[in-house]
Amino acid sequence: MNTTPNDICAAAKAGEYFRRIEEMYAEMDLSYYEAAGSYGFSCTGCEDNCCLTRFYHHTTIEYAYLLSGFFSLPGDRRRLYQDRAHAYNRELERTNPNNTVFRHMCPVNDAGWCALYAFRPMICRLHGIPHELSPPGRAKIFGAGCTAFENHCGETAYISFDRTPFYTGMADLERRFRMHTGLQVKFRMTVSQMLVSTQTGAL
């Protein structure tokens, strides 16, 4: 299979993978907002905007779904976000790629609002509140909330938010999608790199 962005999106749509990822995202959102609501935590007006965080995404199915939203935008908006993505990537290349304090706004963020909010990847949906994860054959891992959460709700007792079923569900969907398409490429991209790939024509 020719691994261009358009081909990957077409394969995902034809195989009804978008329908399944929409269902998974709805489950994530419901679980997240229930837990966040129990804390009384909201991202509205957040000064520690997670869109400033450098996230790498690791599934081609999420890549395809994000690009399906991107391709639906008017041409002038796509060009604007691609220009921003190039600037983001240049800044990332200029600094140490392993610099964990790299802070640069996601190219699809417009004055605090995500232009691809409905299509945003899994980690964008789950980031912010304390969580747990149970890797196979390993002890359970607990993760803290973001800085804004710690500032506003850090003294509140932990409310269970288990990411495990979302990670395993996404891994299974990715496995089935790769089998369906024959994709072998190792995937690790920021949103900015995803947008630039639509111009280069390859992963």
N, C-alpha and C. Protein backbone atom coordinates (compact mmCIF):
# COMPACT_ATOMS: atom_id res chain seq x y z
N MET A 1 0.84 -1.21 0.00
CA MET A 1 0.00 0.00 0.00
C MET A 1 0.88 1.26 0.00
N ASN A 2 0.49 2.26 -0.78
CA ASN A 2 1.19 3.54 -0.79
C ASN A 2 0.80 4.32 0.45
N THR A 3 1.75 4.56 1.33
CA THR A 3 1.43 5.14 2.63
C THR A 3 1.42 6.67 2.59
N THR A 4 0.55 7.23 1.77
CA THR A 4 0.35 8.67 1.76
C THR A 4 -0.78 9.00 2.72
N PRO A 5 -0.84 10.24 3.22
CA PRO A 5 -1.94 10.62 4.11
C PRO A 5 -3.32 10.37 3.52
N ASN A 6 -3.52 10.70 2.24
CA ASN A 6 -4.82 10.50 1.62
C ASN A 6 -5.21 9.03 1.55
N ASP A 7 -4.25 8.18 1.25
CA ASP A 7 -4.52 6.75 1.17
C ASP A 7 -4.89 6.18 2.54
N ILE A 8 -4.18 6.62 3.57
CA ILE A 8 -4.46 6.13 4.92
C ILE A 8 -5.85 6.56 5.37
N CYS A 9 -6.21 7.80 5.09
CA CYS A 9 -7.55 8.29 5.44
C CYS A 9 -8.63 7.51 4.69
N ALA A 10 -8.41 7.26 3.41
CA ALA A 10 -9.39 6.54 2.61
C ALA A 10 -9.56 5.11 3.12
N ALA A 11 -8.46 4.47 3.50
CA ALA A 11 -8.54 3.10 4.01
C ALA A 11 -9.29 3.05 5.33
N ALA A 12 -9.04 4.03 6.20
CA ALA A 12 -9.72 4.07 7.49
C ALA A 12 -11.22 4.30 7.32
N LYS A 13 -11.58 5.19 6.41
CA LYS A 13 -12.99 5.47 6.18
C LYS A 13 -13.70 4.28 5.55
N ALA A 14 -13.07 3.66 4.57
CA ALA A 14 -13.68 2.53 3.89
C ALA A 14 -13.88 1.34 4.82
N GLY A 15 -12.96 1.16 5.76
CA GLY A 15 -13.04 0.04 6.69
C GLY A 15 -13.86 0.32 7.93
N GLU A 16 -14.53 1.46 7.98
CA GLU A 16 -15.37 1.89 9.10
C GLU A 16 -14.58 2.06 10.40
N TYR A 17 -13.29 2.30 10.29
CA TYR A 17 -12.48 2.52 11.48
C TYR A 17 -12.80 3.86 12.13
N PHE A 18 -13.23 4.82 11.32
CA PHE A 18 -13.60 6.11 11.90
C PHE A 18 -14.81 5.97 12.82
N ARG A 19 -15.75 5.13 12.44
CA ARG A 19 -16.92 4.93 13.30
C ARG A 19 -16.50 4.37 14.65
N ARG A 20 -15.59 3.43 14.65
CA ARG A 20 -15.14 2.83 15.91
C ARG A 20 -14.34 3.82 16.75
N ILE A 21 -13.49 4.61 16.10
CA ILE A 21 -12.70 5.55 16.90
C ILE A 21 -13.60 6.65 17.47
N GLU A 22 -14.65 7.01 16.77
CA GLU A 22 -15.60 7.98 17.31
C GLU A 22 -16.28 7.42 18.56
N GLU A 23 -16.62 6.14 18.53
CA GLU A 23 -17.23 5.50 19.69
C GLU A 23 -16.26 5.48 20.87
N MET A 24 -14.99 5.16 20.59
CA MET A 24 -13.98 5.12 21.64
C MET A 24 -13.75 6.51 22.24
N TYR A 25 -13.68 7.51 21.38
CA TYR A 25 -13.48 8.87 21.87
C TYR A 25 -14.65 9.32 22.74
N ALA A 26 -15.86 8.93 22.36
CA ALA A 26 -17.04 9.30 23.16
C ALA A 26 -16.95 8.67 24.55
N GLU A 27 -16.48 7.42 24.61
CA GLU A 27 -16.32 6.74 25.90
C GLU A 27 -15.25 7.43 26.74
N MET A 28 -14.15 7.82 26.11
CA MET A 28 -13.09 8.54 26.83
C MET A 28 -13.61 9.85 27.39
N ASP A 29 -14.30 10.61 26.55
CA ASP A 29 -14.78 11.92 26.97
C ASP A 29 -15.75 11.80 28.14
N LEU A 30 -16.65 10.83 28.07
CA LEU A 30 -17.61 10.66 29.15
C LEU A 30 -16.91 10.31 30.45
N SER A 31 -15.98 9.35 30.39
CA SER A 31 -15.25 8.94 31.59
C SER A 31 -14.42 10.08 32.16
N TYR A 32 -13.77 10.83 31.27
CA TYR A 32 -12.93 11.94 31.73
C TYR A 32 -13.79 13.01 32.41
N TYR A 33 -14.85 13.42 31.76
CA TYR A 33 -15.66 14.52 32.31
C TYR A 33 -16.38 14.12 33.59
N GLU A 34 -16.72 12.85 33.72
CA GLU A 34 -17.30 12.39 34.98
C GLU A 34 -16.29 12.51 36.11
N ALA A 35 -15.06 12.07 35.86
CA ALA A 35 -14.02 12.15 36.89
C ALA A 35 -13.65 13.60 37.18
N ALA A 36 -13.45 14.38 36.14
CA ALA A 36 -13.10 15.79 36.34
C ALA A 36 -14.21 16.53 37.07
N GLY A 37 -15.46 16.21 36.73
CA GLY A 37 -16.58 16.85 37.39
C GLY A 37 -16.67 16.50 38.87
N SER A 38 -16.27 15.29 39.21
CA SER A 38 -16.27 14.88 40.62
C SER A 38 -15.27 15.68 41.44
N TYR A 39 -14.20 16.10 40.79
CA TYR A 39 -13.22 16.96 41.45
C TYR A 39 -13.67 18.42 41.47
N GLY A 40 -14.60 18.76 40.57
CA GLY A 40 -14.94 20.16 40.37
C GLY A 40 -13.90 20.86 39.53
N PHE A 41 -13.22 20.09 38.67
CA PHE A 41 -12.12 20.63 37.87
C PHE A 41 -12.60 20.92 36.45
N SER A 42 -12.20 22.07 35.93
CA SER A 42 -12.51 22.44 34.56
C SER A 42 -11.29 23.06 33.91
N CYS A 43 -11.10 22.78 32.62
CA CYS A 43 -9.97 23.35 31.88
C CYS A 43 -10.26 24.77 31.41
N THR A 44 -11.47 25.25 31.54
CA THR A 44 -11.84 26.56 31.04
C THR A 44 -10.97 27.65 31.68
N GLY A 45 -10.37 28.47 30.83
CA GLY A 45 -9.52 29.55 31.34
C GLY A 45 -8.19 29.10 31.90
N CYS A 46 -7.77 27.90 31.54
CA CYS A 46 -6.54 27.33 32.09
C CYS A 46 -5.32 28.12 31.61
N GLU A 47 -4.46 28.52 32.55
CA GLU A 47 -3.23 29.21 32.20
C GLU A 47 -2.14 28.23 31.78
N ASP A 48 -2.19 27.00 32.31
CA ASP A 48 -1.22 25.96 31.95
C ASP A 48 -1.80 25.13 30.81
N ASN A 49 -1.97 25.77 29.66
CA ASN A 49 -2.68 25.17 28.54
C ASN A 49 -1.95 23.93 28.03
N CYS A 50 -2.65 22.78 28.01
CA CYS A 50 -2.00 21.54 27.55
C CYS A 50 -1.65 21.61 26.07
N CYS A 51 -2.25 22.56 25.33
CA CYS A 51 -1.91 22.72 23.93
C CYS A 51 -0.50 23.29 23.75
N LEU A 52 0.13 23.70 24.86
CA LEU A 52 1.52 24.14 24.83
C LEU A 52 2.48 22.97 25.04
N THR A 53 1.94 21.82 25.39
CA THR A 53 2.76 20.65 25.70
C THR A 53 3.10 19.89 24.42
N ARG A 54 4.33 19.45 24.31
CA ARG A 54 4.73 18.64 23.16
C ARG A 54 4.29 17.21 23.38
N PHE A 55 3.26 16.79 22.69
CA PHE A 55 2.77 15.42 22.76
C PHE A 55 3.17 14.69 21.48
N TYR A 56 3.67 13.47 21.64
CA TYR A 56 3.86 12.58 20.49
C TYR A 56 2.72 11.57 20.47
N HIS A 57 2.23 11.28 19.28
CA HIS A 57 1.13 10.36 19.10
C HIS A 57 1.65 9.16 18.31
N HIS A 58 1.11 7.97 18.61
CA HIS A 58 1.76 6.75 18.15
C HIS A 58 0.86 5.81 17.34
N THR A 59 -0.30 6.28 16.92
CA THR A 59 -1.19 5.39 16.17
C THR A 59 -1.56 6.01 14.83
N THR A 60 -1.49 5.21 13.78
CA THR A 60 -1.85 5.69 12.44
C THR A 60 -3.35 5.91 12.32
N ILE A 61 -4.16 5.19 13.10
CA ILE A 61 -5.60 5.38 13.00
C ILE A 61 -5.99 6.75 13.56
N GLU A 62 -5.34 7.20 14.62
CA GLU A 62 -5.62 8.55 15.13
C GLU A 62 -5.11 9.61 14.16
N TYR A 63 -3.98 9.34 13.55
CA TYR A 63 -3.45 10.22 12.51
C TYR A 63 -4.46 10.38 11.38
N ALA A 64 -5.01 9.26 10.91
CA ALA A 64 -5.99 9.31 9.83
C ALA A 64 -7.23 10.08 10.23
N TYR A 65 -7.68 9.88 11.47
CA TYR A 65 -8.90 10.56 11.91
C TYR A 65 -8.67 12.06 12.05
N LEU A 66 -7.52 12.45 12.61
CA LEU A 66 -7.21 13.87 12.73
C LEU A 66 -7.15 14.51 11.35
N LEU A 67 -6.51 13.85 10.40
CA LEU A 67 -6.39 14.42 9.07
C LEU A 67 -7.73 14.48 8.35
N SER A 68 -8.64 13.56 8.66
CA SER A 68 -9.96 13.63 8.05
C SER A 68 -10.66 14.93 8.44
N GLY A 69 -10.46 15.36 9.69
CA GLY A 69 -10.99 16.64 10.11
C GLY A 69 -10.25 17.79 9.46
N PHE A 70 -8.95 17.66 9.36
CA PHE A 70 -8.13 18.72 8.75
C PHE A 70 -8.51 18.91 7.28
N PHE A 71 -8.69 17.82 6.54
CA PHE A 71 -9.02 17.91 5.12
C PHE A 71 -10.41 18.51 4.90
N SER A 72 -11.25 18.50 5.91
CA SER A 72 -12.60 19.06 5.78
C SER A 72 -12.63 20.58 5.94
N LEU A 73 -11.51 21.18 6.37
CA LEU A 73 -11.45 22.62 6.59
C LEU A 73 -11.29 23.37 5.26
N PRO A 74 -11.70 24.64 5.22
CA PRO A 74 -11.46 25.43 4.01
C PRO A 74 -9.96 25.54 3.73
N GLY A 75 -9.62 25.74 2.47
CA GLY A 75 -8.22 25.76 2.06
C GLY A 75 -7.39 26.80 2.78
N ASP A 76 -7.96 27.99 3.02
CA ASP A 76 -7.17 29.03 3.68
C ASP A 76 -6.84 28.67 5.12
N ARG A 77 -7.76 27.96 5.79
CA ARG A 77 -7.48 27.52 7.16
C ARG A 77 -6.41 26.44 7.17
N ARG A 78 -6.48 25.52 6.22
CA ARG A 78 -5.47 24.47 6.15
C ARG A 78 -4.08 25.08 5.94
N ARG A 79 -3.99 26.05 5.05
CA ARG A 79 -2.69 26.67 4.78
C ARG A 79 -2.17 27.41 6.01
N LEU A 80 -3.05 28.08 6.73
CA LEU A 80 -2.65 28.77 7.95
C LEU A 80 -2.07 27.79 8.96
N TYR A 81 -2.76 26.67 9.18
CA TYR A 81 -2.30 25.70 10.18
C TYR A 81 -1.02 25.00 9.72
N GLN A 82 -0.88 24.79 8.41
CA GLN A 82 0.36 24.20 7.90
C GLN A 82 1.53 25.16 8.10
N ASP A 83 1.30 26.45 7.87
CA ASP A 83 2.35 27.44 8.09
C ASP A 83 2.77 27.44 9.57
N ARG A 84 1.79 27.40 10.44
CA ARG A 84 2.09 27.35 11.88
C ARG A 84 2.84 26.07 12.23
N ALA A 85 2.45 24.98 11.59
CA ALA A 85 3.10 23.69 11.86
C ALA A 85 4.57 23.72 11.45
N HIS A 86 4.86 24.32 10.31
CA HIS A 86 6.25 24.45 9.88
C HIS A 86 7.05 25.27 10.89
N ALA A 87 6.44 26.36 11.39
CA ALA A 87 7.13 27.20 12.38
C ALA A 87 7.37 26.42 13.67
N TYR A 88 6.39 25.63 14.07
CA TYR A 88 6.53 24.79 15.27
C TYR A 88 7.69 23.81 15.09
N ASN A 89 7.72 23.15 13.94
CA ASN A 89 8.76 22.15 13.70
C ASN A 89 10.15 22.78 13.63
N ARG A 90 10.25 23.97 13.04
CA ARG A 90 11.55 24.65 13.00
C ARG A 90 12.02 24.98 14.41
N GLU A 91 11.10 25.43 15.26
CA GLU A 91 11.47 25.76 16.63
C GLU A 91 11.88 24.51 17.40
N LEU A 92 11.18 23.41 17.15
CA LEU A 92 11.52 22.15 17.82
C LEU A 92 12.89 21.66 17.37
N GLU A 93 13.18 21.78 16.08
CA GLU A 93 14.49 21.37 15.57
C GLU A 93 15.61 22.27 16.08
N ARG A 94 15.27 23.53 16.30
CA ARG A 94 16.28 24.48 16.77
C ARG A 94 16.70 24.19 18.21
N THR A 95 15.78 23.72 19.01
CA THR A 95 16.07 23.37 20.39
C THR A 95 16.41 21.89 20.47
N ASN A 96 16.80 21.46 21.64
CA ASN A 96 17.11 20.05 21.85
C ASN A 96 15.83 19.24 21.73
N PRO A 97 15.74 18.26 20.80
CA PRO A 97 14.52 17.47 20.65
C PRO A 97 14.10 16.75 21.93
N ASN A 98 15.02 16.51 22.83
CA ASN A 98 14.70 15.82 24.08
C ASN A 98 14.42 16.78 25.23
N ASN A 99 14.32 18.05 24.92
CA ASN A 99 14.07 19.07 25.94
C ASN A 99 12.62 18.98 26.40
N THR A 100 12.41 18.47 27.61
CA THR A 100 11.05 18.24 28.09
C THR A 100 10.32 19.53 28.44
N VAL A 101 11.02 20.66 28.49
CA VAL A 101 10.37 21.92 28.83
C VAL A 101 10.01 22.72 27.58
N PHE A 102 10.10 22.12 26.41
CA PHE A 102 9.71 22.78 25.18
C PHE A 102 8.23 23.18 25.26
N ARG A 103 7.96 24.48 25.08
CA ARG A 103 6.59 25.00 25.18
C ARG A 103 6.30 25.83 23.93
N HIS A 104 5.38 25.34 23.13
CA HIS A 104 5.01 26.06 21.91
C HIS A 104 3.57 25.68 21.59
N MET A 105 2.76 26.68 21.22
CA MET A 105 1.34 26.42 21.02
C MET A 105 1.09 25.50 19.83
N CYS A 106 0.18 24.56 20.00
CA CYS A 106 -0.24 23.67 18.91
C CYS A 106 -0.74 24.52 17.75
N PRO A 107 -0.40 24.17 16.51
CA PRO A 107 -0.75 25.01 15.36
C PRO A 107 -2.24 25.14 15.09
N VAL A 108 -3.06 24.23 15.60
CA VAL A 108 -4.50 24.33 15.33
C VAL A 108 -5.26 24.99 16.48
N ASN A 109 -4.52 25.59 17.42
CA ASN A 109 -5.16 26.32 18.51
C ASN A 109 -5.39 27.77 18.09
N ASP A 110 -6.64 28.19 18.10
CA ASP A 110 -7.01 29.55 17.75
C ASP A 110 -7.56 30.27 18.97
N ALA A 111 -6.74 31.12 19.57
CA ALA A 111 -7.14 31.92 20.73
C ALA A 111 -7.73 31.04 21.83
N GLY A 112 -7.09 29.90 22.07
CA GLY A 112 -7.52 29.03 23.15
C GLY A 112 -8.48 27.94 22.75
N TRP A 113 -8.90 27.92 21.50
CA TRP A 113 -9.86 26.93 21.03
C TRP A 113 -9.24 26.06 19.95
N CYS A 114 -9.42 24.75 20.07
CA CYS A 114 -8.87 23.81 19.10
C CYS A 114 -9.76 23.75 17.86
N ALA A 115 -9.16 24.02 16.70
CA ALA A 115 -9.91 23.98 15.45
C ALA A 115 -10.28 22.56 15.05
N LEU A 116 -9.61 21.57 15.64
CA LEU A 116 -9.90 20.16 15.34
C LEU A 116 -10.33 19.42 16.60
N TYR A 117 -11.06 20.12 17.45
CA TYR A 117 -11.41 19.58 18.78
C TYR A 117 -12.07 18.22 18.69
N ALA A 118 -13.02 18.04 17.80
CA ALA A 118 -13.73 16.76 17.69
C ALA A 118 -12.84 15.65 17.19
N PHE A 119 -11.71 16.00 16.57
CA PHE A 119 -10.82 15.01 15.97
C PHE A 119 -9.52 14.85 16.76
N ARG A 120 -9.38 15.54 17.87
CA ARG A 120 -8.13 15.53 18.62
C ARG A 120 -7.79 14.12 19.12
N PRO A 121 -6.50 13.79 19.21
CA PRO A 121 -6.09 12.44 19.60
C PRO A 121 -6.37 12.11 21.07
N MET A 122 -6.15 10.86 21.40
CA MET A 122 -6.47 10.32 22.73
C MET A 122 -5.81 11.08 23.86
N ILE A 123 -4.50 11.34 23.78
CA ILE A 123 -3.82 11.95 24.92
C ILE A 123 -4.33 13.37 25.15
N CYS A 124 -4.78 14.05 24.10
CA CYS A 124 -5.36 15.38 24.27
C CYS A 124 -6.66 15.30 25.08
N ARG A 125 -7.35 14.17 25.00
CA ARG A 125 -8.61 13.98 25.71
C ARG A 125 -8.40 13.54 27.16
N LEU A 126 -7.32 12.84 27.43
CA LEU A 126 -7.13 12.22 28.74
C LEU A 126 -6.22 13.02 29.67
N HIS A 127 -5.47 13.94 29.12
CA HIS A 127 -4.49 14.69 29.91
C HIS A 127 -5.18 15.64 30.89
N GLY A 128 -4.63 15.75 32.08
CA GLY A 128 -5.08 16.79 33.00
C GLY A 128 -5.39 16.33 34.40
N ILE A 129 -6.04 15.18 34.54
CA ILE A 129 -6.44 14.72 35.87
C ILE A 129 -5.63 13.49 36.29
N PRO A 130 -5.51 13.22 37.59
CA PRO A 130 -4.78 12.03 38.05
C PRO A 130 -5.39 10.76 37.45
N HIS A 131 -4.54 9.77 37.23
CA HIS A 131 -5.01 8.57 36.55
C HIS A 131 -4.20 7.36 36.98
N GLU A 132 -4.66 6.22 36.54
CA GLU A 132 -3.94 4.97 36.77
C GLU A 132 -3.87 4.18 35.47
N LEU A 133 -2.87 3.30 35.40
CA LEU A 133 -2.65 2.48 34.23
C LEU A 133 -2.09 1.14 34.69
N SER A 134 -2.62 0.05 34.14
CA SER A 134 -2.19 -1.30 34.53
C SER A 134 -1.54 -1.99 33.34
N PRO A 135 -0.22 -1.81 33.14
CA PRO A 135 0.47 -2.49 32.04
C PRO A 135 0.49 -4.00 32.27
N PRO A 136 0.40 -4.80 31.23
CA PRO A 136 0.42 -6.26 31.38
C PRO A 136 1.68 -6.74 32.10
N GLY A 137 1.50 -7.52 33.15
CA GLY A 137 2.62 -8.12 33.86
C GLY A 137 3.41 -7.15 34.72
N ARG A 138 2.91 -5.95 34.91
CA ARG A 138 3.62 -4.96 35.72
C ARG A 138 2.70 -4.36 36.76
N ALA A 139 3.30 -3.73 37.75
CA ALA A 139 2.51 -3.10 38.81
C ALA A 139 1.75 -1.90 38.24
N LYS A 140 0.65 -1.58 38.87
CA LYS A 140 -0.17 -0.45 38.46
C LYS A 140 0.64 0.84 38.59
N ILE A 141 0.47 1.72 37.61
CA ILE A 141 1.14 3.00 37.58
C ILE A 141 0.13 4.11 37.86
N PHE A 142 0.51 5.06 38.70
CA PHE A 142 -0.35 6.20 38.98
C PHE A 142 0.33 7.47 38.46
N GLY A 143 -0.48 8.31 37.81
CA GLY A 143 0.04 9.56 37.28
C GLY A 143 -0.66 10.75 37.90
N ALA A 144 0.07 11.84 38.08
CA ALA A 144 -0.49 13.04 38.69
C ALA A 144 -1.27 13.85 37.66
N GLY A 145 -2.03 14.82 38.15
CA GLY A 145 -2.73 15.73 37.26
C GLY A 145 -1.79 16.81 36.75
N CYS A 146 -2.28 17.66 35.88
CA CYS A 146 -1.48 18.74 35.33
C CYS A 146 -1.27 19.82 36.40
N THR A 147 -0.47 20.82 36.08
CA THR A 147 -0.18 21.88 37.03
C THR A 147 -1.45 22.61 37.47
N ALA A 148 -2.34 22.87 36.54
CA ALA A 148 -3.59 23.56 36.88
C ALA A 148 -4.42 22.71 37.83
N PHE A 149 -4.45 21.41 37.59
CA PHE A 149 -5.21 20.54 38.50
C PHE A 149 -4.59 20.56 39.89
N GLU A 150 -3.28 20.45 39.96
CA GLU A 150 -2.61 20.43 41.26
C GLU A 150 -2.84 21.73 42.01
N ASN A 151 -2.88 22.84 41.28
CA ASN A 151 -3.10 24.14 41.93
C ASN A 151 -4.51 24.27 42.50
N HIS A 152 -5.49 23.69 41.81
CA HIS A 152 -6.88 23.88 42.21
C HIS A 152 -7.46 22.71 42.99
N CYS A 153 -6.97 21.51 42.73
CA CYS A 153 -7.59 20.31 43.32
C CYS A 153 -6.56 19.36 43.94
N GLY A 154 -5.34 19.83 44.11
CA GLY A 154 -4.27 18.94 44.55
C GLY A 154 -4.47 18.30 45.91
N GLU A 155 -5.29 18.91 46.75
CA GLU A 155 -5.52 18.36 48.08
C GLU A 155 -6.69 17.38 48.13
N THR A 156 -7.38 17.23 47.01
CA THR A 156 -8.55 16.34 46.95
C THR A 156 -8.11 14.90 46.84
N ALA A 157 -8.81 14.01 47.52
CA ALA A 157 -8.49 12.58 47.47
C ALA A 157 -8.66 12.05 46.04
N TYR A 158 -7.80 11.12 45.66
CA TYR A 158 -7.82 10.56 44.31
C TYR A 158 -9.16 9.91 43.99
N ILE A 159 -9.69 10.23 42.81
CA ILE A 159 -10.90 9.61 42.28
C ILE A 159 -10.47 8.74 41.11
N SER A 160 -10.83 7.49 41.14
CA SER A 160 -10.34 6.53 40.15
C SER A 160 -10.62 6.97 38.71
N PHE A 161 -9.55 7.01 37.93
CA PHE A 161 -9.66 7.25 36.49
C PHE A 161 -8.65 6.34 35.82
N ASP A 162 -9.14 5.23 35.30
CA ASP A 162 -8.28 4.18 34.75
C ASP A 162 -8.17 4.34 33.23
N ARG A 163 -6.96 4.65 32.78
CA ARG A 163 -6.73 4.81 31.35
C ARG A 163 -6.56 3.46 30.63
N THR A 164 -6.39 2.39 31.38
CA THR A 164 -6.03 1.10 30.77
C THR A 164 -6.98 0.66 29.67
N PRO A 165 -8.30 0.66 29.88
CA PRO A 165 -9.17 0.19 28.80
C PRO A 165 -9.10 1.04 27.54
N PHE A 166 -8.78 2.32 27.69
CA PHE A 166 -8.66 3.18 26.51
C PHE A 166 -7.38 2.88 25.75
N TYR A 167 -6.29 2.67 26.48
CA TYR A 167 -5.03 2.34 25.83
C TYR A 167 -5.10 0.98 25.13
N THR A 168 -5.66 -0.01 25.81
CA THR A 168 -5.74 -1.34 25.21
C THR A 168 -6.71 -1.36 24.03
N GLY A 169 -7.82 -0.62 24.16
CA GLY A 169 -8.77 -0.55 23.06
C GLY A 169 -8.16 0.12 21.84
N MET A 170 -7.40 1.20 22.05
CA MET A 170 -6.76 1.88 20.93
C MET A 170 -5.67 1.02 20.32
N ALA A 171 -4.93 0.30 21.15
CA ALA A 171 -3.89 -0.59 20.63
C ALA A 171 -4.50 -1.69 19.77
N ASP A 172 -5.64 -2.23 20.19
CA ASP A 172 -6.30 -3.27 19.41
C ASP A 172 -6.83 -2.72 18.09
N LEU A 173 -7.41 -1.52 18.13
CA LEU A 173 -7.90 -0.90 16.90
C LEU A 173 -6.75 -0.62 15.95
N GLU A 174 -5.63 -0.15 16.47
CA GLU A 174 -4.46 0.11 15.65
C GLU A 174 -3.94 -1.18 15.03
N ARG A 175 -3.90 -2.24 15.81
CA ARG A 175 -3.43 -3.53 15.29
C ARG A 175 -4.30 -4.00 14.13
N ARG A 176 -5.62 -3.91 14.30
CA ARG A 176 -6.53 -4.36 13.25
C ARG A 176 -6.45 -3.46 12.02
N PHE A 177 -6.24 -2.16 12.23
CA PHE A 177 -6.12 -1.25 11.10
C PHE A 177 -4.84 -1.54 10.32
N ARG A 178 -3.76 -1.80 11.03
CA ARG A 178 -2.50 -2.11 10.34
C ARG A 178 -2.60 -3.43 9.57
N MET A 179 -3.29 -4.39 10.14
CA MET A 179 -3.49 -5.65 9.40
C MET A 179 -4.33 -5.41 8.15
N HIS A 180 -5.34 -4.56 8.28
CA HIS A 180 -6.23 -4.25 7.16
C HIS A 180 -5.48 -3.54 6.03
N THR A 181 -4.55 -2.66 6.38
CA THR A 181 -3.85 -1.85 5.38
C THR A 181 -2.48 -2.39 4.99
N GLY A 182 -1.92 -3.26 5.82
CA GLY A 182 -0.56 -3.74 5.58
C GLY A 182 0.51 -2.74 5.97
N LEU A 183 0.15 -1.73 6.75
CA LEU A 183 1.12 -0.72 7.18
C LEU A 183 2.17 -1.33 8.10
N GLN A 184 3.42 -0.99 7.84
CA GLN A 184 4.52 -1.47 8.66
C GLN A 184 5.30 -0.33 9.30
N VAL A 185 5.01 0.91 8.91
CA VAL A 185 5.79 2.05 9.35
C VAL A 185 5.65 2.27 10.86
N LYS A 186 6.76 2.61 11.51
CA LYS A 186 6.72 2.98 12.92
C LYS A 186 6.24 4.42 13.01
N PHE A 187 5.25 4.66 13.85
CA PHE A 187 4.61 5.97 13.86
C PHE A 187 4.89 6.70 15.17
N ARG A 188 5.38 7.95 15.06
CA ARG A 188 5.62 8.82 16.21
C ARG A 188 5.66 10.25 15.71
N MET A 189 4.56 10.97 15.90
CA MET A 189 4.47 12.32 15.38
C MET A 189 3.75 13.26 16.34
N THR A 190 4.13 14.53 16.30
CA THR A 190 3.33 15.58 16.92
C THR A 190 2.23 15.96 15.93
N VAL A 191 1.25 16.73 16.40
CA VAL A 191 0.22 17.23 15.49
C VAL A 191 0.86 18.07 14.39
N SER A 192 1.86 18.87 14.73
CA SER A 192 2.53 19.69 13.72
C SER A 192 3.15 18.83 12.63
N GLN A 193 3.81 17.76 13.01
CA GLN A 193 4.40 16.86 12.02
C GLN A 193 3.34 16.19 11.16
N MET A 194 2.19 15.89 11.75
CA MET A 194 1.09 15.31 10.98
C MET A 194 0.62 16.27 9.89
N LEU A 195 0.48 17.54 10.25
CA LEU A 195 0.01 18.52 9.27
C LEU A 195 1.02 18.73 8.15
N VAL A 196 2.29 18.76 8.51
CA VAL A 196 3.32 18.93 7.48
C VAL A 196 3.35 17.72 6.54
N SER A 197 3.03 16.56 7.06
CA SER A 197 3.05 15.35 6.22
C SER A 197 2.03 15.43 5.10
N THR A 198 0.99 16.26 5.25
CA THR A 198 -0.01 16.39 4.19
C THR A 198 0.57 17.14 2.98
N GLN A 199 1.67 17.85 3.19
CA GLN A 199 2.34 18.53 2.08
C GLN A 199 3.46 17.70 1.50
N THR A 200 4.15 16.95 2.36
CA THR A 200 5.25 16.11 1.86
C THR A 200 4.71 14.86 1.19
N GLY A 201 3.48 14.44 1.57
CA GLY A 201 2.84 13.31 0.91
C GLY A 201 3.26 11.95 1.43
N ALA A 202 3.94 11.90 2.59
CA ALA A 202 4.38 10.62 3.13
C ALA A 202 4.50 10.72 4.64
N LEU A 203 4.47 9.54 5.31
CA LEU A 203 4.63 9.51 6.75
C LEU A 203 6.10 9.80 7.11
